[in-house]
C-alpha atoms as a PDB file:
ATOM      1  CA  MET A   1     124.103 103.473 166.951  1.00  0.00           C
ATOM      2  CA  GLU A   2     127.204 104.143 165.447  1.00  0.00           C
ATOM      3  CA  ARG A   3     130.534 102.946 165.077  1.00  0.00           C
ATOM      4  CA  THR A   4     133.771 103.975 163.300  1.00  0.00           C
ATOM      5  CA  VAL A   5     136.115 101.548 161.913  1.00  0.00           C
ATOM      6  CA  THR A   6     139.466 101.990 159.593  1.00  0.00           C
ATOM      7  CA  VAL A   7     139.069  99.403 155.874  1.00  0.00           C
ATOM      8  CA  VAL A   8     141.363  96.771 155.912  1.00  0.00           C
ATOM      9  CA  PRO A   9     140.213  95.073 152.307  1.00  0.00           C
ATOM     10  CA  GLU A  10     142.916  95.911 150.259  1.00  0.00           C
ATOM     11  CA  ASN A  11     140.697  97.365 147.865  1.00  0.00           C
ATOM     12  CA  GLY A  12     139.356  99.574 150.124  1.00  0.00           C
ATOM     13  CA  LEU A  13     135.194  99.204 149.927  1.00  0.00           C
ATOM     14  CA  HIS A  14     135.518  98.155 146.522  1.00  0.00           C
ATOM     15  CA  ALA A  15     135.764  95.391 144.288  1.00  0.00           C
ATOM     16  CA  ARG A  16     134.584  91.950 147.152  1.00  0.00           C
ATOM     17  CA  PRO A  17     134.578  93.943 150.014  1.00  0.00           C
ATOM     18  CA  ALA A  18     131.887  96.183 148.773  1.00  0.00           C
ATOM     19  CA  THR A  19     129.950  93.728 147.385  1.00  0.00           C
ATOM     20  CA  THR A  20     129.848  91.205 150.227  1.00  0.00           C
ATOM     21  CA  PHE A  21     129.581  94.769 152.319  1.00  0.00           C
ATOM     22  CA  VAL A  22     126.248  95.194 150.586  1.00  0.00           C
ATOM     23  CA  GLU A  23     125.235  91.778 150.935  1.00  0.00           C
ATOM     24  CA  ALA A  24     125.632  91.691 154.986  1.00  0.00           C
ATOM     25  CA  ALA A  25     123.623  95.440 155.000  1.00  0.00           C
ATOM     26  CA  SER A  26     120.730  93.642 153.156  1.00  0.00           C
ATOM     27  CA  ASN A  27     120.374  90.561 155.777  1.00  0.00           C
ATOM     28  CA  PHE A  28     119.398  92.763 158.325  1.00  0.00           C
ATOM     29  CA  ASP A  29     115.615  94.609 159.774  1.00  0.00           C
ATOM     30  CA  ALA A  30     118.143  98.269 160.130  1.00  0.00           C
ATOM     31  CA  GLU A  31     118.537 101.205 158.261  1.00  0.00           C
ATOM     32  CA  ILE A  32     122.288 101.991 157.288  1.00  0.00           C
ATOM     33  CA  THR A  33     124.763 104.284 156.335  1.00  0.00           C
ATOM     34  CA  VAL A  34     127.926 104.576 155.917  1.00  0.00           C
ATOM     35  CA  GLU A  35     130.323 107.719 155.215  1.00  0.00           C
ATOM     36  CA  ALA A  36     134.024 108.776 155.049  1.00  0.00           C
ATOM     37  CA  VAL A  37     134.686 110.189 158.170  1.00  0.00           C
ATOM     38  CA  ASP A  38     136.953 113.102 156.513  1.00  0.00           C
ATOM     39  CA  GLY A  39     133.226 114.112 154.796  1.00  0.00           C
ATOM     40  CA  SER A  40     134.583 114.379 151.917  1.00  0.00           C
ATOM     41  CA  ARG A  41     131.056 112.898 150.517  1.00  0.00           C
ATOM     42  CA  PRO A  42     127.920 113.012 152.243  1.00  0.00           C
ATOM     43  CA  PRO A  43     126.172 109.132 153.744  1.00  0.00           C
ATOM     44  CA  VAL A  44     125.122 106.668 151.510  1.00  0.00           C
ATOM     45  CA  ALA A  45     122.631 103.927 152.026  1.00  0.00           C
ATOM     46  CA  ALA A  46     125.342 100.192 152.897  1.00  0.00           C
ATOM     47  CA  ASP A  47     122.477  98.705 150.896  1.00  0.00           C
ATOM     48  CA  SER A  48     123.941 100.444 147.249  1.00  0.00           C
ATOM     49  CA  ILE A  49     126.341  99.673 145.960  1.00  0.00           C
ATOM     50  CA  LEU A  50     127.303 102.405 143.476  1.00  0.00           C
ATOM     51  CA  GLY A  51     126.606 104.839 146.924  1.00  0.00           C
ATOM     52  CA  VAL A  52     129.007 102.552 148.636  1.00  0.00           C
ATOM     53  CA  THR A  53     131.972 102.179 145.997  1.00  0.00           C
ATOM     54  CA  GLY A  54     130.771 106.211 145.330  1.00  0.00           C
ATOM     55  CA  LEU A  55     132.749 106.950 148.407  1.00  0.00           C
ATOM     56  CA  GLY A  56     135.859 106.078 147.315  1.00  0.00           C
ATOM     57  CA  VAL A  57     137.019 104.214 150.337  1.00  0.00           C
ATOM     58  CA  ARG A  58     140.553 102.856 150.386  1.00  0.00           C
ATOM     59  CA  ARG A  59     142.842 100.974 152.597  1.00  0.00           C
ATOM     60  CA  GLY A  60     142.869 102.898 155.948  1.00  0.00           C
ATOM     61  CA  ASP A  61     140.803 105.378 155.412  1.00  0.00           C
ATOM     62  CA  THR A  62     138.294 105.842 158.768  1.00  0.00           C
ATOM     63  CA  VAL A  63     134.368 105.087 157.790  1.00  0.00           C
ATOM     64  CA  THR A  64     131.708 105.713 160.084  1.00  0.00           C
ATOM     65  CA  LEU A  65     128.420 103.461 160.323  1.00  0.00           C
ATOM     66  CA  THR A  66     124.908 103.881 161.150  1.00  0.00           C
ATOM     67  CA  ALA A  67     122.627 101.905 162.093  1.00  0.00           C
ATOM     68  CA  GLU A  68     118.809 102.004 163.510  1.00  0.00           C
ATOM     69  CA  GLY A  69     116.027  99.334 163.390  1.00  0.00           C
ATOM     70  CA  PRO A  70     115.000  95.888 165.427  1.00  0.00           C
ATOM     71  CA  ASP A  71     118.592  94.619 164.142  1.00  0.00           C
ATOM     72  CA  ALA A  72     120.667  97.466 164.695  1.00  0.00           C
ATOM     73  CA  GLU A  73     123.289  96.338 166.740  1.00  0.00           C
ATOM     74  CA  PRO A  74     124.327  92.768 164.606  1.00  0.00           C
ATOM     75  CA  ALA A  75     123.660  94.543 161.475  1.00  0.00           C
ATOM     76  CA  LEU A  76     126.687  97.000 162.661  1.00  0.00           C
ATOM     77  CA  ASP A  77     128.630  94.018 164.338  1.00  0.00           C
ATOM     78  CA  ALA A  78     129.228  92.176 160.672  1.00  0.00           C
ATOM     79  CA  LEU A  79     129.859  95.668 158.919  1.00  0.00           C
ATOM     80  CA  VAL A  80     132.128  96.095 161.380  1.00  0.00           C
ATOM     81  CA  ASN A  81     133.233  92.616 160.918  1.00  0.00           C
ATOM     82  CA  VAL A  82     133.872  92.554 157.060  1.00  0.00           C
ATOM     83  CA  ILE A  83     135.373  95.849 156.910  1.00  0.00           C
ATOM     84  CA  SER A  84     138.466  95.209 159.716  1.00  0.00           C
ATOM     85  CA  THR A  85     139.316  91.952 158.460  1.00  0.00           C
ATOM     86  CA  PRO A  86     141.335  91.265 155.428  1.00  0.00           C
ATOM     87  CA  ALA A  87     139.428  90.592 151.927  1.00  0.00           C
ATOM     88  CA  GLY A  88     138.947  86.753 151.992  1.00  0.00           C
ATOM     89  CA  GLU A  89     138.702  85.991 155.576  1.00  0.00           C
ATOM     90  CA  SER A  90     135.475  88.115 157.172  1.00  0.00           C
ATOM     91  CA  ASP A  91     132.990  85.998 158.842  1.00  0.00           C
ATOM     92  CA  VAL A  92     129.593  87.478 157.350  1.00  0.00           C
ATOM     93  CA  ALA A  93     126.408  86.073 159.586  1.00  0.00           C
ATOM     94  CA  GLY A  94     124.109  84.082 157.813  1.00  0.00           C
ATOM     95  CA  ASP A  95     128.077  82.939 155.162  1.00  0.00           C
ATOM     96  CA  THR A  96     129.168  80.375 157.803  1.00  0.00           C
ATOM     97  CA  PRO A  97     129.504  76.845 156.543  1.00  0.00           C
ATOM     98  CA  ALA A  98     126.661  74.094 158.531  1.00  0.00           C
END
């Protein structure tokens, strides 16, 4: 499965949004990669903070998320939510208060 999405958080995939993204990716039984659509760098594991921040993705950049495995679809849904929502407003699966 694959999704292409524009990054909305002000800091792109750096600092807090990157941490939220990586933590969300780690919650699923799926192999997930992320890459900048411009092809400037190879895809990286979505659960690697160094890989994700190393992409240098900024607000307004477009990325492609690819996932394989039993949780591929919910994983992509959660990750799209993280990077298409302003920082601090995303509702990541598993982080919703009871």
